[in-house]
Each structure stands twice: as C-alpha cells, then as structure tokens.
C-alpha cells in the first residue's frame, strides 16, 4: 500500500488544519482511504483523494456528533507524523512506531 500525505484542501480551497489527515492509495481497495488518527476508526474511502477527503469530512462530523450525544470526550488534535517532529518535541510519543524504532531480533 502506498502512503502519501496530501494537503488537507477541499475543492473550495478551504484548508483543514484542526486534525491531521492521512490520505493514501490502497491497491487492495482500488481507491483512496482517508483517516484521522486522533479519532478512533474515523476513516473514509473515495475513488480520488478529493473524494476520500470529502467523505472523511462527513465521517468526522458524524464521529463528533456521536461522541457528543454519547457524552464521550472528544480528543484534542495531537497526532503529528514523525516527519514533522523534532528531537525535543513533547508530542513525539504520539507518533506511530516505525520499523527502525523496533528492536532488532539479531537475525
């Protein structure tokens, strides 16, 4: 699966900067998947990156509305990919582990 980050821009040109958004092409699904790492299981699919982003905006609003209705806390935007972090970044723990961070098995 190829991953690439796209700028969070809608067709209208509005920039989404509150929650980090991942958009990647899924060979398995034959289209683009967009997700918000801070919102558990909040993702969407589209034939194009723009369609996936538009669908994700709908999914995000539904996710937030469901959390509010259930009285669940809404997490603040915290996730930042490792590439955007510095060595002294306090949010470094929020980045997912990458292969080079895992202990080598010695093989």
PDB file of N, CA and C in Angstrom:
ATOM      1  N   UNK A   1       0.837  -1.170   0.000  1.00  0.00           N
ATOM      2  CA  UNK A   1       0.000   0.000   0.000  1.00  0.00           C
ATOM      3  C   UNK A   1       0.886   1.239   0.000  1.00  0.00           C
ATOM      4  N   UNK A   2       0.682   2.138  -0.924  1.00  0.00           N
ATOM      5  CA  UNK A   2       1.432   3.390  -0.955  1.00  0.00           C
ATOM      6  C   UNK A   2       0.754   4.395  -0.051  1.00  0.00           C
ATOM      7  N   UNK A   3       1.561   5.129   0.724  1.00  0.00           N
ATOM      8  CA  UNK A   3       1.025   6.194   1.565  1.00  0.00           C
ATOM      9  C   UNK A   3       1.595   7.513   1.096  1.00  0.00           C
ATOM     10  N   UNK A   4       0.765   8.486   1.030  1.00  0.00           N
ATOM     11  CA  UNK A   4       1.262   9.827   0.772  1.00  0.00           C
ATOM     12  C   UNK A   4       0.320  10.823   1.407  1.00  0.00           C
ATOM     13  N   UNK A   5       0.881  11.845   1.968  1.00  0.00           N
ATOM     14  CA  UNK A   5       0.106  12.898   2.619  1.00  0.00           C
ATOM     15  C   UNK A   5      -0.261  13.936   1.584  1.00  0.00           C
ATOM     16  N   UNK A   6      -1.501  14.300   1.555  1.00  0.00           N
ATOM     17  CA  UNK A   6      -1.953  15.384   0.695  1.00  0.00           C
ATOM     18  C   UNK A   6      -2.313  16.557   1.582  1.00  0.00           C
ATOM     19  N   UNK A   7      -2.193  17.747   1.058  1.00  0.00           N
ATOM     20  CA  UNK A   7      -2.651  18.896   1.819  1.00  0.00           C
ATOM     21  C   UNK A   7      -4.141  18.753   2.054  1.00  0.00           C
ATOM     22  N   UNK A   8      -4.564  19.102   3.240  1.00  0.00           N
ATOM     23  CA  UNK A   8      -5.977  18.987   3.575  1.00  0.00           C
ATOM     24  C   UNK A   8      -6.782  20.102   2.966  1.00  0.00           C
ATOM     25  N   UNK A   9      -6.933  20.078   1.664  1.00  0.00           N
ATOM     26  CA  UNK A   9      -7.698  21.115   0.973  1.00  0.00           C
ATOM     27  C   UNK A   9      -8.942  20.506   0.352  1.00  0.00           C
ATOM     28  N   UNK A  10     -10.027  21.188   0.533  1.00  0.00           N
ATOM     29  CA  UNK A  10     -11.263  20.797  -0.124  1.00  0.00           C
ATOM     30  C   UNK A  10     -11.313  21.478  -1.483  1.00  0.00           C
ATOM     31  N   UNK A  11     -12.233  21.058  -2.316  1.00  0.00           N
ATOM     32  CA  UNK A  11     -12.374  21.651  -3.645  1.00  0.00           C
ATOM     33  C   UNK A  11     -12.581  23.162  -3.546  1.00  0.00           C
ATOM     34  N   UNK A  12     -13.197  23.613  -2.456  1.00  0.00           N
ATOM     35  CA  UNK A  12     -13.443  25.045  -2.280  1.00  0.00           C
ATOM     36  C   UNK A  12     -12.173  25.808  -1.945  1.00  0.00           C
ATOM     37  N   UNK A  13     -11.080  25.071  -1.634  1.00  0.00           N
ATOM     38  CA  UNK A  13      -9.827  25.726  -1.282  1.00  0.00           C
ATOM     39  C   UNK A  13      -9.650  25.905   0.213  1.00  0.00           C
ATOM     40  N   UNK A  14     -10.677  25.570   1.000  1.00  0.00           N
ATOM     41  CA  UNK A  14     -10.567  25.711   2.449  1.00  0.00           C
ATOM     42  C   UNK A  14      -9.548  24.709   2.980  1.00  0.00           C
ATOM     43  N   UNK A  15      -8.708  25.155   3.879  1.00  0.00           N
ATOM     44  CA  UNK A  15      -7.692  24.276   4.450  1.00  0.00           C
ATOM     45  C   UNK A  15      -8.202  23.723   5.771  1.00  0.00           C
ATOM     46  N   UNK A  16      -8.072  22.412   5.931  1.00  0.00           N
ATOM     47  CA  UNK A  16      -8.450  21.752   7.172  1.00  0.00           C
ATOM     48  C   UNK A  16      -7.186  21.590   7.996  1.00  0.00           C
ATOM     49  N   UNK A  17      -7.076  22.280   9.106  1.00  0.00           N
ATOM     50  CA  UNK A  17      -5.850  22.216   9.881  1.00  0.00           C
ATOM     51  C   UNK A  17      -6.068  21.787  11.322  1.00  0.00           C
ATOM     52  N   UNK A  18      -7.274  21.379  11.680  1.00  0.00           N
ATOM     53  CA  UNK A  18      -7.517  21.014  13.065  1.00  0.00           C
ATOM     54  C   UNK A  18      -6.969  19.622  13.389  1.00  0.00           C
ATOM     55  N   UNK A  19      -7.403  18.583  12.730  1.00  0.00           N
ATOM     56  CA  UNK A  19      -6.911  17.231  12.935  1.00  0.00           C
ATOM     57  C   UNK A  19      -6.040  16.838  11.748  1.00  0.00           C
ATOM     58  N   UNK A  20      -4.964  16.106  12.043  1.00  0.00           N
ATOM     59  CA  UNK A  20      -4.118  15.602  10.955  1.00  0.00           C
ATOM     60  C   UNK A  20      -4.922  14.587  10.143  1.00  0.00           C
ATOM     61  N   UNK A  21      -4.787  14.645   8.842  1.00  0.00           N
ATOM     62  CA  UNK A  21      -5.488  13.726   7.944  1.00  0.00           C
ATOM     63  C   UNK A  21      -4.464  12.979   7.109  1.00  0.00           C
ATOM     64  N   UNK A  22      -4.583  11.662   7.088  1.00  0.00           N
ATOM     65  CA  UNK A  22      -3.780  10.821   6.200  1.00  0.00           C
ATOM     66  C   UNK A  22      -4.635  10.470   4.995  1.00  0.00           C
ATOM     67  N   UNK A  23      -4.058  10.521   3.812  1.00  0.00           N
ATOM     68  CA  UNK A  23      -4.728  10.044   2.607  1.00  0.00           C
ATOM     69  C   UNK A  23      -3.730   9.169   1.869  1.00  0.00           C
ATOM     70  N   UNK A  24      -4.150   7.967   1.568  1.00  0.00           N
ATOM     71  CA  UNK A  24      -3.250   7.058   0.860  1.00  0.00           C
ATOM     72  C   UNK A  24      -4.031   6.200  -0.117  1.00  0.00           C
ATOM     73  N   UNK A  25      -3.317   5.728  -1.133  1.00  0.00           N
ATOM     74  CA  UNK A  25      -3.937   4.852  -2.119  1.00  0.00           C
ATOM     75  C   UNK A  25      -3.845   3.421  -1.625  1.00  0.00           C
ATOM     76  N   UNK A  26      -4.937   2.695  -1.698  1.00  0.00           N
ATOM     77  CA  UNK A  26      -4.984   1.295  -1.304  1.00  0.00           C
ATOM     78  C   UNK A  26      -5.166   0.434  -2.548  1.00  0.00           C
ATOM     79  N   UNK A  27      -4.124  -0.312  -2.892  1.00  0.00           N
ATOM     80  CA  UNK A  27      -4.226  -1.237  -4.032  1.00  0.00           C
ATOM     81  C   UNK A  27      -5.334  -2.254  -3.772  1.00  0.00           C
ATOM     82  N   UNK A  28      -5.389  -2.731  -2.546  1.00  0.00           N
ATOM     83  CA  UNK A  28      -6.373  -3.749  -2.166  1.00  0.00           C
ATOM     84  C   UNK A  28      -7.805  -3.265  -2.387  1.00  0.00           C
ATOM     85  N   UNK A  29      -8.062  -2.013  -2.035  1.00  0.00           N
ATOM     86  CA  UNK A  29      -9.413  -1.457  -2.172  1.00  0.00           C
ATOM     87  C   UNK A  29      -9.645  -0.787  -3.515  1.00  0.00           C
ATOM     88  N   UNK A  30      -8.570  -0.512  -4.242  1.00  0.00           N
ATOM     89  CA  UNK A  30      -8.711   0.121  -5.547  1.00  0.00           C
ATOM     90  C   UNK A  30      -9.156   1.561  -5.474  1.00  0.00           C
ATOM     91  N   UNK A  31      -8.733   2.258  -4.445  1.00  0.00           N
ATOM     92  CA  UNK A  31      -9.093   3.664  -4.294  1.00  0.00           C
ATOM     93  C   UNK A  31      -8.336   4.276  -3.139  1.00  0.00           C
ATOM     94  N   UNK A  32      -8.749   5.473  -2.751  1.00  0.00           N
ATOM     95  CA  UNK A  32      -8.070   6.225  -1.714  1.00  0.00           C
ATOM     96  C   UNK A  32      -8.789   6.096  -0.379  1.00  0.00           C
ATOM     97  N   UNK A  33      -7.998   5.988   0.670  1.00  0.00           N
ATOM     98  CA  UNK A  33      -8.509   5.927   2.033  1.00  0.00           C
ATOM     99  C   UNK A  33      -8.009   7.171   2.755  1.00  0.00           C
ATOM    100  N   UNK A  34      -8.882   7.814   3.479  1.00  0.00           N
ATOM    101  CA  UNK A  34      -8.524   8.966   4.298  1.00  0.00           C
ATOM    102  C   UNK A  34      -8.890   8.634   5.736  1.00  0.00           C
ATOM    103  N   UNK A  35      -8.022   9.012   6.665  1.00  0.00           N
ATOM    104  CA  UNK A  35      -8.342   8.776   8.070  1.00  0.00           C
ATOM    105  C   UNK A  35      -7.819   9.896   8.941  1.00  0.00           C
ATOM    106  N   UNK A  36      -8.369   9.954  10.160  1.00  0.00           N
ATOM    107  CA  UNK A  36      -7.947  10.918  11.173  1.00  0.00           C
ATOM    108  C   UNK A  36      -7.443  10.095  12.350  1.00  0.00           C
ATOM    109  N   UNK A  37      -6.126  10.021  12.553  1.00  0.00           N
ATOM    110  CA  UNK A  37      -5.581   9.182  13.614  1.00  0.00           C
ATOM    111  C   UNK A  37      -6.089   9.521  15.014  1.00  0.00           C
ATOM    112  N   UNK A  38      -6.396  10.780  15.295  1.00  0.00           N
ATOM    113  CA  UNK A  38      -6.868  11.170  16.618  1.00  0.00           C
ATOM    114  C   UNK A  38      -8.287  10.682  16.927  1.00  0.00           C
ATOM    115  N   UNK A  39      -9.064  10.359  15.892  1.00  0.00           N
ATOM    116  CA  UNK A  39     -10.446   9.919  16.087  1.00  0.00           C
ATOM    117  C   UNK A  39     -10.532   8.433  15.738  1.00  0.00           C
ATOM    118  N   UNK A  40     -10.601   7.603  16.747  1.00  0.00           N
ATOM    119  CA  UNK A  40     -10.569   6.156  16.577  1.00  0.00           C
ATOM    120  C   UNK A  40     -11.567   5.672  15.525  1.00  0.00           C
ATOM    121  N   UNK A  41     -11.050   4.968  14.533  1.00  0.00           N
ATOM    122  CA  UNK A  41     -11.849   4.356  13.467  1.00  0.00           C
ATOM    123  C   UNK A  41     -12.576   5.370  12.579  1.00  0.00           C
ATOM    124  N   UNK A  42     -12.102   6.594  12.530  1.00  0.00           N
ATOM    125  CA  UNK A  42     -12.707   7.601  11.655  1.00  0.00           C
ATOM    126  C   UNK A  42     -11.964   7.588  10.330  1.00  0.00           C
ATOM    127  N   UNK A  43     -12.585   6.989   9.322  1.00  0.00           N
ATOM    128  CA  UNK A  43     -11.949   6.887   8.011  1.00  0.00           C
ATOM    129  C   UNK A  43     -13.009   6.903   6.924  1.00  0.00           C
ATOM    130  N   UNK A  44     -12.544   7.078   5.689  1.00  0.00           N
ATOM    131  CA  UNK A  44     -13.461   7.118   4.552  1.00  0.00           C
ATOM    132  C   UNK A  44     -12.738   6.673   3.291  1.00  0.00           C
ATOM    133  N   UNK A  45     -13.495   6.364   2.272  1.00  0.00           N
ATOM    134  CA  UNK A  45     -12.977   5.859   1.007  1.00  0.00           C
ATOM    135  C   UNK A  45     -13.453   6.744  -0.142  1.00  0.00           C
ATOM    136  N   UNK A  46     -12.624   6.848  -1.175  1.00  0.00           N
ATOM    137  CA  UNK A  46     -13.027   7.570  -2.381  1.00  0.00           C
ATOM    138  C   UNK A  46     -12.232   7.097  -3.586  1.00  0.00           C
ATOM    139  N   UNK A  47     -12.773   7.333  -4.758  1.00  0.00           N
ATOM    140  CA  UNK A  47     -12.052   6.966  -5.991  1.00  0.00           C
ATOM    141  C   UNK A  47     -10.894   7.914  -6.269  1.00  0.00           C
ATOM    142  N   UNK A  48     -10.969   9.122  -5.717  1.00  0.00           N
ATOM    143  CA  UNK A  48      -9.910  10.115  -5.867  1.00  0.00           C
ATOM    144  C   UNK A  48      -9.546  10.617  -4.460  1.00  0.00           C
ATOM    145  N   UNK A  49      -8.373  11.243  -4.307  1.00  0.00           N
ATOM    146  CA  UNK A  49      -8.032  11.807  -2.996  1.00  0.00           C
ATOM    147  C   UNK A  49      -9.054  12.846  -2.535  1.00  0.00           C
ATOM    148  N   UNK A  50      -9.543  13.641  -3.472  1.00  0.00           N
ATOM    149  CA  UNK A  50     -10.527  14.678  -3.124  1.00  0.00           C
ATOM    150  C   UNK A  50     -11.836  14.067  -2.635  1.00  0.00           C
ATOM    151  N   UNK A  51     -12.255  12.990  -3.289  1.00  0.00           N
ATOM    152  CA  UNK A  51     -13.490  12.322  -2.869  1.00  0.00           C
ATOM    153  C   UNK A  51     -13.315  11.695  -1.486  1.00  0.00           C
ATOM    154  N   UNK A  52     -12.170  11.074  -1.247  1.00  0.00           N
ATOM    155  CA  UNK A  52     -11.908  10.481   0.070  1.00  0.00           C
ATOM    156  C   UNK A  52     -11.909  11.564   1.145  1.00  0.00           C
ATOM    157  N   UNK A  53     -11.314  12.723   0.850  1.00  0.00           N
ATOM    158  CA  UNK A  53     -11.283  13.821   1.808  1.00  0.00           C
ATOM    159  C   UNK A  53     -12.687  14.352   2.088  1.00  0.00           C
ATOM    160  N   UNK A  54     -13.488  14.503   1.062  1.00  0.00           N
ATOM    161  CA  UNK A  54     -14.869  14.976   1.252  1.00  0.00           C
ATOM    162  C   UNK A  54     -15.676  13.978   2.078  1.00  0.00           C
ATOM    163  N   UNK A  55     -15.501  12.692   1.798  1.00  0.00           N
ATOM    164  CA  UNK A  55     -16.202  11.659   2.567  1.00  0.00           C
ATOM    165  C   UNK A  55     -15.720  11.656   4.019  1.00  0.00           C
ATOM    166  N   UNK A  56     -14.420  11.897   4.213  1.00  0.00           N
ATOM    167  CA  UNK A  56     -13.875  11.931   5.572  1.00  0.00           C
ATOM    168  C   UNK A  56     -14.457  13.087   6.369  1.00  0.00           C
ATOM    169  N   UNK A  57     -14.678  14.210   5.717  1.00  0.00           N
ATOM    170  CA  UNK A  57     -15.277  15.355   6.416  1.00  0.00           C
ATOM    171  C   UNK A  57     -16.668  14.978   6.942  1.00  0.00           C
ATOM    172  N   UNK A  58     -17.435  14.253   6.145  1.00  0.00           N
ATOM    173  CA  UNK A  58     -18.752  13.772   6.583  1.00  0.00           C
ATOM    174  C   UNK A  58     -18.599  12.793   7.744  1.00  0.00           C
ATOM    175  N   UNK A  59     -17.635  11.863   7.624  1.00  0.00           N
ATOM    176  CA  UNK A  59     -17.392  10.873   8.684  1.00  0.00           C
ATOM    177  C   UNK A  59     -16.951  11.557   9.976  1.00  0.00           C
ATOM    178  N   UNK A  60     -16.115  12.588   9.849  1.00  0.00           N
ATOM    179  CA  UNK A  60     -15.639  13.316  11.027  1.00  0.00           C
ATOM    180  C   UNK A  60     -16.808  13.984  11.753  1.00  0.00           C
ATOM    181  N   UNK A  61     -17.665  14.646  11.010  1.00  0.00           N
ATOM    182  CA  UNK A  61     -18.817  15.306  11.634  1.00  0.00           C
ATOM    183  C   UNK A  61     -19.720  14.283  12.329  1.00  0.00           C
ATOM    184  N   UNK A  62     -19.928  13.128  11.694  1.00  0.00           N
ATOM    185  CA  UNK A  62     -20.747  12.072  12.308  1.00  0.00           C
ATOM    186  C   UNK A  62     -20.063  11.524  13.557  1.00  0.00           C
ATOM    187  N   UNK A  63     -18.750  11.342  13.507  1.00  0.00           N
ATOM    188  CA  UNK A  63     -17.992  10.834  14.653  1.00  0.00           C
ATOM    189  C   UNK A  63     -18.127  11.791  15.826  1.00  0.00           C
ATOM    190  N   UNK A  64     -17.921  13.082  15.568  1.00  0.00           N
ATOM    191  CA  UNK A  64     -18.002  14.087  16.630  1.00  0.00           C
ATOM    192  C   UNK A  64     -19.414  14.181  17.201  1.00  0.00           C
ATOM    193  N   UNK A  65     -20.418  14.134  16.345  1.00  0.00           N
ATOM    194  CA  UNK A  65     -21.809  14.207  16.805  1.00  0.00           C
ATOM    195  C   UNK A  65     -22.146  12.995  17.680  1.00  0.00           C
ATOM    196  N   UNK A  66     -21.705  11.811  17.271  1.00  0.00           N
ATOM    197  CA  UNK A  66     -21.979  10.591  18.050  1.00  0.00           C
ATOM    198  C   UNK A  66     -21.281  10.655  19.409  1.00  0.00           C
ATOM    199  N   UNK A  67     -20.050  11.160  19.436  1.00  0.00           N
ATOM    200  CA  UNK A  67     -19.327  11.275  20.708  1.00  0.00           C
ATOM    201  C   UNK A  67     -20.039  12.257  21.640  1.00  0.00           C
ATOM    202  N   UNK A  68     -20.467  13.387  21.087  1.00  0.00           N
ATOM    203  CA  UNK A  68     -21.189  14.379  21.906  1.00  0.00           C
ATOM    204  C   UNK A  68     -22.480  13.785  22.454  1.00  0.00           C
ATOM    205  N   UNK A  69     -23.231  13.109  21.597  1.00  0.00           N
ATOM    206  CA  UNK A  69     -24.507  12.530  22.005  1.00  0.00           C
ATOM    207  C   UNK A  69     -24.316  11.469  23.088  1.00  0.00           C
ATOM    208  N   UNK A  70     -23.233  10.713  23.001  1.00  0.00           N
ATOM    209  CA  UNK A  70     -22.961   9.657  23.987  1.00  0.00           C
ATOM    210  C   UNK A  70     -22.264  10.201  25.234  1.00  0.00           C
ATOM    211  N   UNK A  71     -21.933  11.489  25.224  1.00  0.00           N
ATOM    212  CA  UNK A  71     -21.254  12.087  26.365  1.00  0.00           C
ATOM    213  C   UNK A  71     -19.800  11.657  26.488  1.00  0.00           C
ATOM    214  N   UNK A  72     -19.215  11.224  25.380  1.00  0.00           N
ATOM    215  CA  UNK A  72     -17.812  10.787  25.389  1.00  0.00           C
ATOM    216  C   UNK A  72     -16.897  11.975  25.123  1.00  0.00           C
ATOM    217  N   UNK A  73     -15.705  11.937  25.695  1.00  0.00           N
ATOM    218  CA  UNK A  73     -14.771  13.047  25.443  1.00  0.00           C
ATOM    219  C   UNK A  73     -14.290  13.073  23.999  1.00  0.00           C
ATOM    220  N   UNK A  74     -14.089  14.258  23.498  1.00  0.00           N
ATOM    221  CA  UNK A  74     -13.562  14.435  22.140  1.00  0.00           C
ATOM    222  C   UNK A  74     -12.080  14.769  22.280  1.00  0.00           C
ATOM    223  N   UNK A  75     -11.225  13.917  21.714  1.00  0.00           N
ATOM    224  CA  UNK A  75      -9.798  14.163  21.883  1.00  0.00           C
ATOM    225  C   UNK A  75      -9.346  15.416  21.134  1.00  0.00           C
ATOM    226  N   UNK A  76      -8.404  16.132  21.731  1.00  0.00           N
ATOM    227  CA  UNK A  76      -7.861  17.300  21.023  1.00  0.00           C
ATOM    228  C   UNK A  76      -6.976  16.829  19.879  1.00  0.00           C
ATOM    229  N   UNK A  77      -6.765  17.667  18.884  1.00  0.00           N
ATOM    230  CA  UNK A  77      -5.836  17.308  17.802  1.00  0.00           C
ATOM    231  C   UNK A  77      -4.416  17.221  18.363  1.00  0.00           C
ATOM    232  N   UNK A  78      -3.835  16.016  18.339  1.00  0.00           N
ATOM    233  CA  UNK A  78      -2.488  15.839  18.890  1.00  0.00           C
ATOM    234  C   UNK A  78      -1.558  15.091  17.952  1.00  0.00           C
ATOM    235  N   UNK A  79      -2.089  14.205  17.130  1.00  0.00           N
ATOM    236  CA  UNK A  79      -1.244  13.365  16.284  1.00  0.00           C
ATOM    237  C   UNK A  79      -0.452  14.206  15.294  1.00  0.00           C
ATOM    238  N   UNK A  80       0.828  13.939  15.220  1.00  0.00           N
ATOM    239  CA  UNK A  80       1.686  14.545  14.206  1.00  0.00           C
ATOM    240  C   UNK A  80       2.629  13.474  13.700  1.00  0.00           C
ATOM    241  N   UNK A  81       2.727  13.270  12.403  1.00  0.00           N
ATOM    242  CA  UNK A  81       3.648  12.260  11.883  1.00  0.00           C
ATOM    243  C   UNK A  81       5.078  12.563  12.310  1.00  0.00           C
ATOM    244  N   UNK A  82       5.866  11.546  12.439  1.00  0.00           N
ATOM    245  CA  UNK A  82       7.247  11.672  12.870  1.00  0.00           C
ATOM    246  C   UNK A  82       8.029  12.676  12.032  1.00  0.00           C
ATOM    247  N   UNK A  83       7.743  12.758  10.762  1.00  0.00           N
ATOM    248  CA  UNK A  83       8.477  13.662   9.874  1.00  0.00           C
ATOM    249  C   UNK A  83       8.335  15.128  10.287  1.00  0.00           C
ATOM    250  N   UNK A  84       7.263  15.478  10.988  1.00  0.00           N
ATOM    251  CA  UNK A  84       7.031  16.860  11.401  1.00  0.00           C
ATOM    252  C   UNK A  84       7.529  17.146  12.817  1.00  0.00           C
ATOM    253  N   UNK A  85       8.127  16.159  13.453  1.00  0.00           N
ATOM    254  CA  UNK A  85       8.548  16.313  14.837  1.00  0.00           C
ATOM    255  C   UNK A  85      10.041  16.574  14.932  1.00  0.00           C
ATOM    256  N   UNK A  86      10.430  17.222  16.016  1.00  0.00           N
ATOM    257  CA  UNK A  86      11.844  17.440  16.288  1.00  0.00           C
ATOM    258  C   UNK A  86      12.248  16.551  17.453  1.00  0.00           C
ATOM    259  N   UNK A  87      13.535  16.449  17.702  1.00  0.00           N
ATOM    260  CA  UNK A  87      14.033  15.599  18.777  1.00  0.00           C
ATOM    261  C   UNK A  87      13.496  16.033  20.137  1.00  0.00           C
ATOM    262  N   UNK A  88      13.202  17.302  20.291  1.00  0.00           N
ATOM    263  CA  UNK A  88      12.714  17.809  21.579  1.00  0.00           C
ATOM    264  C   UNK A  88      11.202  17.939  21.640  1.00  0.00           C
ATOM    265  N   UNK A  89      10.521  17.439  20.630  1.00  0.00           N
ATOM    266  CA  UNK A  89       9.068  17.585  20.547  1.00  0.00           C
ATOM    267  C   UNK A  89       8.382  16.761  21.633  1.00  0.00           C
ATOM    268  N   UNK A  90       7.554  17.405  22.456  1.00  0.00           N
ATOM    269  CA  UNK A  90       6.841  16.718  23.531  1.00  0.00           C
ATOM    270  C   UNK A  90       5.801  15.745  22.996  1.00  0.00           C
ATOM    271  N   UNK A  91       5.342  15.948  21.756  1.00  0.00           N
ATOM    272  CA  UNK A  91       4.321  15.085  21.188  1.00  0.00           C
ATOM    273  C   UNK A  91       4.916  13.870  20.483  1.00  0.00           C
ATOM    274  N   UNK A  92       6.216  13.660  20.579  1.00  0.00           N
ATOM    275  CA  UNK A  92       6.867  12.567  19.853  1.00  0.00           C
ATOM    276  C   UNK A  92       6.247  11.218  20.195  1.00  0.00           C
ATOM    277  N   UNK A  93       5.759  11.079  21.402  1.00  0.00           N
ATOM    278  CA  UNK A  93       5.158   9.808  21.804  1.00  0.00           C
ATOM    279  C   UNK A  93       3.883   9.495  21.026  1.00  0.00           C
ATOM    280  N   UNK A  94       3.280  10.511  20.394  1.00  0.00           N
ATOM    281  CA  UNK A  94       2.044  10.295  19.647  1.00  0.00           C
ATOM    282  C   UNK A  94       2.299   9.667  18.279  1.00  0.00           C
ATOM    283  N   UNK A  95       3.543   9.695  17.820  1.00  0.00           N
ATOM    284  CA  UNK A  95       3.852   9.146  16.505  1.00  0.00           C
ATOM    285  C   UNK A  95       3.849   7.634  16.553  1.00  0.00           C
ATOM    286  N   UNK A  96       3.343   6.995  15.497  1.00  0.00           N
ATOM    287  CA  UNK A  96       3.358   5.535  15.482  1.00  0.00           C
ATOM    288  C   UNK A  96       4.787   5.040  15.338  1.00  0.00           C
ATOM    289  N   UNK A  97       5.082   3.855  15.882  1.00  0.00           N
ATOM    290  CA  UNK A  97       6.441   3.328  15.734  1.00  0.00           C
ATOM    291  C   UNK A  97       6.727   3.016  14.273  1.00  0.00           C
ATOM    292  N   UNK A  98       7.969   3.150  13.896  1.00  0.00           N
ATOM    293  CA  UNK A  98       8.373   2.788  12.547  1.00  0.00           C
ATOM    294  C   UNK A  98       9.385   1.663  12.650  1.00  0.00           C
ATOM    295  N   UNK A  99       9.636   0.991  11.554  1.00  0.00           N
ATOM    296  CA  UNK A  99      10.471  -0.205  11.555  1.00  0.00           C
ATOM    297  C   UNK A  99      11.827   0.024  12.220  1.00  0.00           C
ATOM    298  N   UNK A 100      12.458   1.168  11.967  1.00  0.00           N
ATOM    299  CA  UNK A 100      13.784   1.376  12.538  1.00  0.00           C
ATOM    300  C   UNK A 100      13.747   1.584  14.044  1.00  0.00           C
ATOM    301  N   UNK A 101      12.570   1.879  14.625  1.00  0.00           N
ATOM    302  CA  UNK A 101      12.438   2.063  16.063  1.00  0.00           C
ATOM    303  C   UNK A 101      12.287   0.740  16.807  1.00  0.00           C
ATOM    304  N   UNK A 102      12.000  -0.322  16.086  1.00  0.00           N
ATOM    305  CA  UNK A 102      11.780  -1.612  16.731  1.00  0.00           C
ATOM    306  C   UNK A 102      13.113  -2.285  17.010  1.00  0.00           C
ATOM    307  N   UNK A 103      13.221  -3.001  18.141  1.00  0.00           N
ATOM    308  CA  UNK A 103      14.464  -3.698  18.453  1.00  0.00           C
ATOM    309  C   UNK A 103      14.773  -4.722  17.364  1.00  0.00           C
ATOM    310  N   UNK A 104      16.043  -4.819  17.029  1.00  0.00           N
ATOM    311  CA  UNK A 104      16.493  -5.791  16.017  1.00  0.00           C
ATOM    312  C   UNK A 104      16.564  -7.174  16.647  1.00  0.00           C
ATOM    313  N   UNK A 105      16.025  -8.152  15.973  1.00  0.00           N
ATOM    314  CA  UNK A 105      15.988  -9.510  16.526  1.00  0.00           C
ATOM    315  C   UNK A 105      17.328 -10.215  16.431  1.00  0.00           C
ATOM    316  N   UNK A 106      18.312  -9.620  15.763  1.00  0.00           N
ATOM    317  CA  UNK A 106      19.641 -10.204  15.674  1.00  0.00           C
ATOM    318  C   UNK A 106      19.786 -11.179  14.532  1.00  0.00           C
ATOM    319  N   UNK A 107      18.810 -11.271  13.649  1.00  0.00           N
ATOM    320  CA  UNK A 107      18.912 -12.192  12.505  1.00  0.00           C
ATOM    321  C   UNK A 107      19.722 -11.616  11.402  1.00  0.00           C
TER     322      UNK A 107
END
